[in-house]
Amino acid sequence: MGLIAQLLTLPVAPVRGTAWVLDQVVLAAEREYYDPAPVREQLAALERRLLDGEIDEDEFDRYEDELLDRLAECETYRNRTTNNS
């Protein structure tokens, strides 16, 4: 039965291969998008800009809130994918 099933589904193999490749691309993109390291680097750079006087407190607070939200999103994704594995 296994050989017959393989022979009958052989024409669908390219579709399955393409789907697998697309899944791998999506997974790689998600890992890159949800990587917290660049967000932490942006937070550090933002703090340097504040200390250097390039931005004021209000601007710092606004960008910091955005970056902290982004960091929380990354952590939520990591927790969700870690618990599902």
PDB file of N, CA and C in Angstrom:
ATOM      1  N   MET A   1       0.824  -1.193   0.000  1.00  0.00           N
ATOM      2  CA  MET A   1       0.000   0.000   0.000  1.00  0.00           C
ATOM      3  C   MET A   1       0.866   1.255   0.000  1.00  0.00           C
ATOM      4  N   GLY A   2       1.987   1.250   0.706  1.00  0.00           N
ATOM      5  CA  GLY A   2       2.841   2.423   0.782  1.00  0.00           C
ATOM      6  C   GLY A   2       3.420   2.793  -0.565  1.00  0.00           C
ATOM      7  N   LEU A   3       3.841   1.799  -1.338  1.00  0.00           N
ATOM      8  CA  LEU A   3       4.417   2.048  -2.657  1.00  0.00           C
ATOM      9  C   LEU A   3       3.366   2.597  -3.612  1.00  0.00           C
ATOM     10  N   ILE A   4       2.181   2.033  -3.563  1.00  0.00           N
ATOM     11  CA  ILE A   4       1.100   2.501  -4.434  1.00  0.00           C
ATOM     12  C   ILE A   4       0.712   3.929  -4.083  1.00  0.00           C
ATOM     13  N   ALA A   5       0.617   4.223  -2.813  1.00  0.00           N
ATOM     14  CA  ALA A   5       0.272   5.584  -2.388  1.00  0.00           C
ATOM     15  C   ALA A   5       1.336   6.570  -2.832  1.00  0.00           C
ATOM     16  N   GLN A   6       2.593   6.181  -2.746  1.00  0.00           N
ATOM     17  CA  GLN A   6       3.677   7.057  -3.192  1.00  0.00           C
ATOM     18  C   GLN A   6       3.604   7.298  -4.690  1.00  0.00           C
ATOM     19  N   LEU A   7       3.325   6.266  -5.424  1.00  0.00           N
ATOM     20  CA  LEU A   7       3.225   6.413  -6.881  1.00  0.00           C
ATOM     21  C   LEU A   7       2.041   7.288  -7.280  1.00  0.00           C
ATOM     22  N   LEU A   8       0.928   7.106  -6.594  1.00  0.00           N
ATOM     23  CA  LEU A   8      -0.261   7.897  -6.919  1.00  0.00           C
ATOM     24  C   LEU A   8      -0.103   9.369  -6.531  1.00  0.00           C
ATOM     25  N   THR A   9       0.647   9.644  -5.483  1.00  0.00           N
ATOM     26  CA  THR A   9       0.818  11.035  -5.036  1.00  0.00           C
ATOM     27  C   THR A   9       2.080  11.682  -5.592  1.00  0.00           C
ATOM     28  N   LEU A  10       2.818  10.958  -6.422  1.00  0.00           N
ATOM     29  CA  LEU A  10       4.042  11.511  -7.001  1.00  0.00           C
ATOM     30  C   LEU A  10       3.812  12.813  -7.773  1.00  0.00           C
ATOM     31  N   PRO A  11       2.739  12.946  -8.557  1.00  0.00           N
ATOM     32  CA  PRO A  11       2.529  14.215  -9.265  1.00  0.00           C
ATOM     33  C   PRO A  11       2.340  15.419  -8.328  1.00  0.00           C
ATOM     34  N   VAL A  12       1.989  15.174  -7.095  1.00  0.00           N
ATOM     35  CA  VAL A  12       1.764  16.258  -6.137  1.00  0.00           C
ATOM     36  C   VAL A  12       3.059  16.642  -5.414  1.00  0.00           C
ATOM     37  N   ALA A  13       4.109  15.881  -5.599  1.00  0.00           N
ATOM     38  CA  ALA A  13       5.371  16.117  -4.892  1.00  0.00           C
ATOM     39  C   ALA A  13       5.923  17.524  -5.092  1.00  0.00           C
ATOM     40  N   PRO A  14       5.916  18.086  -6.294  1.00  0.00           N
ATOM     41  CA  PRO A  14       6.422  19.458  -6.439  1.00  0.00           C
ATOM     42  C   PRO A  14       5.633  20.476  -5.614  1.00  0.00           C
ATOM     43  N   VAL A  15       4.343  20.269  -5.500  1.00  0.00           N
ATOM     44  CA  VAL A  15       3.514  21.177  -4.697  1.00  0.00           C
ATOM     45  C   VAL A  15       3.892  21.055  -3.225  1.00  0.00           C
ATOM     46  N   ARG A  16       4.069  19.820  -2.760  1.00  0.00           N
ATOM     47  CA  ARG A  16       4.473  19.634  -1.365  1.00  0.00           C
ATOM     48  C   ARG A  16       5.843  20.231  -1.113  1.00  0.00           C
ATOM     49  N   GLY A  17       6.754  20.072  -2.074  1.00  0.00           N
ATOM     50  CA  GLY A  17       8.089  20.648  -1.936  1.00  0.00           C
ATOM     51  C   GLY A  17       8.040  22.163  -1.887  1.00  0.00           C
ATOM     52  N   THR A  18       7.230  22.750  -2.747  1.00  0.00           N
ATOM     53  CA  THR A  18       7.079  24.211  -2.758  1.00  0.00           C
ATOM     54  C   THR A  18       6.473  24.689  -1.449  1.00  0.00           C
ATOM     55  N   ALA A  19       5.486  23.990  -0.949  1.00  0.00           N
ATOM     56  CA  ALA A  19       4.860  24.367   0.323  1.00  0.00           C
ATOM     57  C   ALA A  19       5.874  24.298   1.460  1.00  0.00           C
ATOM     58  N   TRP A  20       6.716  23.270   1.442  1.00  0.00           N
ATOM     59  CA  TRP A  20       7.742  23.142   2.483  1.00  0.00           C
ATOM     60  C   TRP A  20       8.724  24.306   2.418  1.00  0.00           C
ATOM     61  N   VAL A  21       9.152  24.650   1.215  1.00  0.00           N
ATOM     62  CA  VAL A  21      10.090  25.770   1.053  1.00  0.00           C
ATOM     63  C   VAL A  21       9.452  27.060   1.546  1.00  0.00           C
ATOM     64  N   LEU A  22       8.200  27.302   1.194  1.00  0.00           N
ATOM     65  CA  LEU A  22       7.504  28.507   1.656  1.00  0.00           C
ATOM     66  C   LEU A  22       7.383  28.532   3.177  1.00  0.00           C
ATOM     67  N   ASP A  23       7.094  27.387   3.770  1.00  0.00           N
ATOM     68  CA  ASP A  23       7.041  27.311   5.236  1.00  0.00           C
ATOM     69  C   ASP A  23       8.377  27.680   5.857  1.00  0.00           C
ATOM     70  N   GLN A  24       9.453  27.198   5.258  1.00  0.00           N
ATOM     71  CA  GLN A  24      10.788  27.500   5.787  1.00  0.00           C
ATOM     72  C   GLN A  24      11.111  28.990   5.655  1.00  0.00           C
ATOM     73  N   VAL A  25      10.705  29.593   4.553  1.00  0.00           N
ATOM     74  CA  VAL A  25      10.929  31.035   4.356  1.00  0.00           C
ATOM     75  C   VAL A  25      10.144  31.835   5.386  1.00  0.00           C
ATOM     76  N   VAL A  26       8.902  31.446   5.615  1.00  0.00           N
ATOM     77  CA  VAL A  26       8.071  32.141   6.605  1.00  0.00           C
ATOM     78  C   VAL A  26       8.675  31.997   7.997  1.00  0.00           C
ATOM     79  N   LEU A  27       9.118  30.803   8.349  1.00  0.00           N
ATOM     80  CA  LEU A  27       9.733  30.596   9.661  1.00  0.00           C
ATOM     81  C   LEU A  27      10.991  31.441   9.834  1.00  0.00           C
ATOM     82  N   ALA A  28      11.811  31.510   8.801  1.00  0.00           N
ATOM     83  CA  ALA A  28      13.029  32.321   8.875  1.00  0.00           C
ATOM     84  C   ALA A  28      12.689  33.802   9.011  1.00  0.00           C
ATOM     85  N   ALA A  29      11.691  34.254   8.274  1.00  0.00           N
ATOM     86  CA  ALA A  29      11.274  35.663   8.362  1.00  0.00           C
ATOM     87  C   ALA A  29      10.712  35.983   9.744  1.00  0.00           C
ATOM     88  N   GLU A  30       9.933  35.066  10.304  1.00  0.00           N
ATOM     89  CA  GLU A  30       9.388  35.284  11.643  1.00  0.00           C
ATOM     90  C   GLU A  30      10.500  35.329  12.684  1.00  0.00           C
ATOM     91  N   ARG A  31      11.466  34.425  12.568  1.00  0.00           N
ATOM     92  CA  ARG A  31      12.577  34.439  13.529  1.00  0.00           C
ATOM     93  C   ARG A  31      13.327  35.760  13.460  1.00  0.00           C
ATOM     94  N   GLU A  32      13.531  36.261  12.264  1.00  0.00           N
ATOM     95  CA  GLU A  32      14.246  37.532  12.120  1.00  0.00           C
ATOM     96  C   GLU A  32      13.404  38.699  12.630  1.00  0.00           C
ATOM     97  N   TYR A  33      12.122  38.715  12.286  1.00  0.00           N
ATOM     98  CA  TYR A  33      11.242  39.815  12.684  1.00  0.00           C
ATOM     99  C   TYR A  33      11.063  39.859  14.200  1.00  0.00           C
ATOM    100  N   TYR A  34      10.943  38.704  14.821  1.00  0.00           N
ATOM    101  CA  TYR A  34      10.691  38.648  16.257  1.00  0.00           C
ATOM    102  C   TYR A  34      11.956  38.500  17.095  1.00  0.00           C
ATOM    103  N   ASP A  35      13.110  38.723  16.526  1.00  0.00           N
ATOM    104  CA  ASP A  35      14.366  38.673  17.268  1.00  0.00           C
ATOM    105  C   ASP A  35      14.473  39.915  18.155  1.00  0.00           C
ATOM    106  N   PRO A  36      14.569  39.748  19.470  1.00  0.00           N
ATOM    107  CA  PRO A  36      14.601  40.911  20.361  1.00  0.00           C
ATOM    108  C   PRO A  36      15.942  41.659  20.359  1.00  0.00           C
ATOM    109  N   ALA A  37      17.000  41.054  19.860  1.00  0.00           N
ATOM    110  CA  ALA A  37      18.320  41.691  19.914  1.00  0.00           C
ATOM    111  C   ALA A  37      18.366  43.044  19.192  1.00  0.00           C
ATOM    112  N   PRO A  38      17.855  43.163  17.967  1.00  0.00           N
ATOM    113  CA  PRO A  38      17.884  44.480  17.315  1.00  0.00           C
ATOM    114  C   PRO A  38      17.060  45.538  18.056  1.00  0.00           C
ATOM    115  N   VAL A  39      15.973  45.111  18.679  1.00  0.00           N
ATOM    116  CA  VAL A  39      15.142  46.059  19.427  1.00  0.00           C
ATOM    117  C   VAL A  39      15.916  46.569  20.646  1.00  0.00           C
ATOM    118  N   ARG A  40      16.617  45.661  21.306  1.00  0.00           N
ATOM    119  CA  ARG A  40      17.438  46.083  22.452  1.00  0.00           C
ATOM    120  C   ARG A  40      18.552  47.037  22.010  1.00  0.00           C
ATOM    121  N   GLU A  41      19.129  46.766  20.843  1.00  0.00           N
ATOM    122  CA  GLU A  41      20.156  47.662  20.307  1.00  0.00           C
ATOM    123  C   GLU A  41      19.571  49.040  20.004  1.00  0.00           C
ATOM    124  N   GLN A  42      18.354  49.063  19.477  1.00  0.00           N
ATOM    125  CA  GLN A  42      17.703  50.340  19.198  1.00  0.00           C
ATOM    126  C   GLN A  42      17.412  51.098  20.488  1.00  0.00           C
ATOM    127  N   LEU A  43      17.037  50.374  21.537  1.00  0.00           N
ATOM    128  CA  LEU A  43      16.810  51.025  22.834  1.00  0.00           C
ATOM    129  C   LEU A  43      18.104  51.637  23.367  1.00  0.00           C
ATOM    130  N   ALA A  44      19.201  50.920  23.242  1.00  0.00           N
ATOM    131  CA  ALA A  44      20.488  51.439  23.697  1.00  0.00           C
ATOM    132  C   ALA A  44      20.895  52.666  22.883  1.00  0.00           C
ATOM    133  N   ALA A  45      20.687  52.607  21.570  1.00  0.00           N
ATOM    134  CA  ALA A  45      21.015  53.746  20.711  1.00  0.00           C
ATOM    135  C   ALA A  45      20.138  54.946  21.047  1.00  0.00           C
ATOM    136  N   LEU A  46      18.889  54.681  21.351  1.00  0.00           N
ATOM    137  CA  LEU A  46      17.972  55.752  21.727  1.00  0.00           C
ATOM    138  C   LEU A  46      18.429  56.441  23.009  1.00  0.00           C
ATOM    139  N   GLU A  47      18.872  55.640  23.969  1.00  0.00           N
ATOM    140  CA  GLU A  47      19.363  56.209  25.221  1.00  0.00           C
ATOM    141  C   GLU A  47      20.632  57.041  24.983  1.00  0.00           C
ATOM    142  N   ARG A  48      21.495  56.552  24.116  1.00  0.00           N
ATOM    143  CA  ARG A  48      22.700  57.325  23.779  1.00  0.00           C
ATOM    144  C   ARG A  48      22.329  58.670  23.157  1.00  0.00           C
ATOM    145  N   ARG A  49      21.319  58.660  22.270  1.00  0.00           N
ATOM    146  CA  ARG A  49      20.876  59.906  21.646  1.00  0.00           C
ATOM    147  C   ARG A  49      20.341  60.879  22.687  1.00  0.00           C
ATOM    148  N   LEU A  50      19.640  60.364  23.684  1.00  0.00           N
ATOM    149  CA  LEU A  50      19.132  61.220  24.756  1.00  0.00           C
ATOM    150  C   LEU A  50      20.282  61.796  25.559  1.00  0.00           C
ATOM    151  N   LEU A  51      21.231  60.946  25.924  1.00  0.00           N
ATOM    152  CA  LEU A  51      22.368  61.405  26.724  1.00  0.00           C
ATOM    153  C   LEU A  51      23.261  62.377  25.959  1.00  0.00           C
ATOM    154  N   ASP A  52      23.320  62.216  24.638  1.00  0.00           N
ATOM    155  CA  ASP A  52      24.117  63.124  23.815  1.00  0.00           C
ATOM    156  C   ASP A  52      23.383  64.420  23.495  1.00  0.00           C
ATOM    157  N   GLY A  53      22.124  64.503  23.902  1.00  0.00           N
ATOM    158  CA  GLY A  53      21.350  65.710  23.675  1.00  0.00           C
ATOM    159  C   GLY A  53      20.748  65.819  22.284  1.00  0.00           C
ATOM    160  N   GLU A  54      20.753  64.738  21.519  1.00  0.00           N
ATOM    161  CA  GLU A  54      20.194  64.760  20.172  1.00  0.00           C
ATOM    162  C   GLU A  54      18.675  64.804  20.179  1.00  0.00           C
ATOM    163  N   ILE A  55      18.057  64.244  21.225  1.00  0.00           N
ATOM    164  CA  ILE A  55      16.600  64.236  21.353  1.00  0.00           C
ATOM    165  C   ILE A  55      16.237  64.677  22.760  1.00  0.00           C
ATOM    166  N   ASP A  56      15.003  65.150  22.922  1.00  0.00           N
ATOM    167  CA  ASP A  56      14.553  65.568  24.251  1.00  0.00           C
ATOM    168  C   ASP A  56      13.798  64.419  24.935  1.00  0.00           C
ATOM    169  N   GLU A  57      13.397  64.646  26.169  1.00  0.00           N
ATOM    170  CA  GLU A  57      12.727  63.609  26.968  1.00  0.00           C
ATOM    171  C   GLU A  57      11.423  63.133  26.330  1.00  0.00           C
ATOM    172  N   ASP A  58      10.644  64.079  25.787  1.00  0.00           N
ATOM    173  CA  ASP A  58       9.357  63.699  25.187  1.00  0.00           C
ATOM    174  C   ASP A  58       9.557  62.764  23.994  1.00  0.00           C
ATOM    175  N   GLU A  59      10.501  63.118  23.139  1.00  0.00           N
ATOM    176  CA  GLU A  59      10.779  62.286  21.982  1.00  0.00           C
ATOM    177  C   GLU A  59      11.325  60.926  22.422  1.00  0.00           C
ATOM    178  N   PHE A  60      12.197  60.940  23.425  1.00  0.00           N
ATOM    179  CA  PHE A  60      12.732  59.696  23.962  1.00  0.00           C
ATOM    180  C   PHE A  60      11.606  58.808  24.481  1.00  0.00           C
ATOM    181  N   ASP A  61      10.706  59.389  25.266  1.00  0.00           N
ATOM    182  CA  ASP A  61       9.601  58.611  25.830  1.00  0.00           C
ATOM    183  C   ASP A  61       8.718  58.010  24.736  1.00  0.00           C
ATOM    184  N   ARG A  62       8.458  58.786  23.715  1.00  0.00           N
ATOM    185  CA  ARG A  62       7.602  58.314  22.624  1.00  0.00           C
ATOM    186  C   ARG A  62       8.254  57.119  21.912  1.00  0.00           C
ATOM    187  N   TYR A  63       9.527  57.258  21.542  1.00  0.00           N
ATOM    188  CA  TYR A  63      10.219  56.162  20.854  1.00  0.00           C
ATOM    189  C   TYR A  63      10.448  54.970  21.784  1.00  0.00           C
ATOM    190  N   GLU A  64      10.736  55.264  23.037  1.00  0.00           N
ATOM    191  CA  GLU A  64      10.954  54.177  23.991  1.00  0.00           C
ATOM    192  C   GLU A  64       9.696  53.338  24.147  1.00  0.00           C
ATOM    193  N   ASP A  65       8.532  53.986  24.233  1.00  0.00           N
ATOM    194  CA  ASP A  65       7.274  53.247  24.339  1.00  0.00           C
ATOM    195  C   ASP A  65       7.058  52.338  23.135  1.00  0.00           C
ATOM    196  N   GLU A  66       7.351  52.862  21.936  1.00  0.00           N
ATOM    197  CA  GLU A  66       7.199  52.053  20.722  1.00  0.00           C
ATOM    198  C   GLU A  66       8.134  50.843  20.762  1.00  0.00           C
ATOM    199  N   LEU A  67       9.375  51.078  21.165  1.00  0.00           N
ATOM    200  CA  LEU A  67      10.347  49.981  21.198  1.00  0.00           C
ATOM    201  C   LEU A  67      10.014  48.966  22.291  1.00  0.00           C
ATOM    202  N   LEU A  68       9.531  49.434  23.421  1.00  0.00           N
ATOM    203  CA  LEU A  68       9.154  48.504  24.488  1.00  0.00           C
ATOM    204  C   LEU A  68       7.943  47.670  24.074  1.00  0.00           C
ATOM    205  N   ASP A  69       7.005  48.286  23.351  1.00  0.00           N
ATOM    206  CA  ASP A  69       5.877  47.516  22.821  1.00  0.00           C
ATOM    207  C   ASP A  69       6.367  46.449  21.853  1.00  0.00           C
ATOM    208  N   ARG A  70       7.300  46.829  21.010  1.00  0.00           N
ATOM    209  CA  ARG A  70       7.876  45.892  20.039  1.00  0.00           C
ATOM    210  C   ARG A  70       8.615  44.750  20.746  1.00  0.00           C
ATOM    211  N   LEU A  71       9.344  45.100  21.806  1.00  0.00           N
ATOM    212  CA  LEU A  71      10.056  44.090  22.580  1.00  0.00           C
ATOM    213  C   LEU A  71       9.076  43.127  23.253  1.00  0.00           C
ATOM    214  N   ALA A  72       7.988  43.664  23.778  1.00  0.00           N
ATOM    215  CA  ALA A  72       6.962  42.810  24.383  1.00  0.00           C
ATOM    216  C   ALA A  72       6.343  41.880  23.348  1.00  0.00           C
ATOM    217  N   GLU A  73       6.146  42.387  22.133  1.00  0.00           N
ATOM    218  CA  GLU A  73       5.620  41.561  21.042  1.00  0.00           C
ATOM    219  C   GLU A  73       6.589  40.420  20.719  1.00  0.00           C
ATOM    220  N   CYS A  74       7.873  40.726  20.716  1.00  0.00           N
ATOM    221  CA  CYS A  74       8.888  39.695  20.457  1.00  0.00           C
ATOM    222  C   CYS A  74       8.873  38.633  21.550  1.00  0.00           C
ATOM    223  N   GLU A  75       8.794  39.066  22.794  1.00  0.00           N
ATOM    224  CA  GLU A  75       8.789  38.116  23.906  1.00  0.00           C
ATOM    225  C   GLU A  75       7.532  37.255  23.888  1.00  0.00           C
ATOM    226  N   THR A  76       6.393  37.848  23.558  1.00  0.00           N
ATOM    227  CA  THR A  76       5.152  37.082  23.467  1.00  0.00           C
ATOM    228  C   THR A  76       5.264  36.011  22.386  1.00  0.00           C
ATOM    229  N   TYR A  77       5.824  36.385  21.241  1.00  0.00           N
ATOM    230  CA  TYR A  77       6.009  35.421  20.156  1.00  0.00           C
ATOM    231  C   TYR A  77       6.933  34.293  20.590  1.00  0.00           C
ATOM    232  N   ARG A  78       8.045  34.647  21.234  1.00  0.00           N
ATOM    233  CA  ARG A  78       9.001  33.624  21.674  1.00  0.00           C
ATOM    234  C   ARG A  78       8.358  32.675  22.686  1.00  0.00           C
ATOM    235  N   ASN A  79       7.586  33.221  23.617  1.00  0.00           N
ATOM    236  CA  ASN A  79       6.914  32.377  24.608  1.00  0.00           C
ATOM    237  C   ASN A  79       5.890  31.462  23.943  1.00  0.00           C
ATOM    238  N   ARG A  80       5.160  32.009  22.974  1.00  0.00           N
ATOM    239  CA  ARG A  80       4.137  31.220  22.283  1.00  0.00           C
ATOM    240  C   ARG A  80       4.783  30.087  21.485  1.00  0.00           C
ATOM    241  N   THR A  81       5.874  30.369  20.787  1.00  0.00           N
ATOM    242  CA  THR A  81       6.513  29.331  19.988  1.00  0.00           C
ATOM    243  C   THR A  81       7.282  28.330  20.849  1.00  0.00           C
ATOM    244  N   THR A  82       7.802  28.773  21.985  1.00  0.00           N
ATOM    245  CA  THR A  82       8.504  27.860  22.881  1.00  0.00           C
ATOM    246  C   THR A  82       7.520  26.897  23.527  1.00  0.00           C
ATOM    247  N   ASN A  83       6.354  27.392  23.909  1.00  0.00           N
ATOM    248  CA  ASN A  83       5.354  26.541  24.553  1.00  0.00           C
ATOM    249  C   ASN A  83       4.695  25.583  23.575  1.00  0.00           C
ATOM    250  N   ASN A  84       4.663  25.919  22.294  1.00  0.00           N
ATOM    251  CA  ASN A  84       4.064  25.051  21.289  1.00  0.00           C
ATOM    252  C   ASN A  84       5.015  23.957  20.829  1.00  0.00           C
ATOM    253  N   SER A  85       6.294  24.107  21.075  1.00  0.00           N
ATOM    254  CA  SER A  85       7.263  23.109  20.604  1.00  0.00           C
ATOM    255  C   SER A  85       7.347  21.930  21.522  1.00  0.00           C
TER     256      SER A  85
END
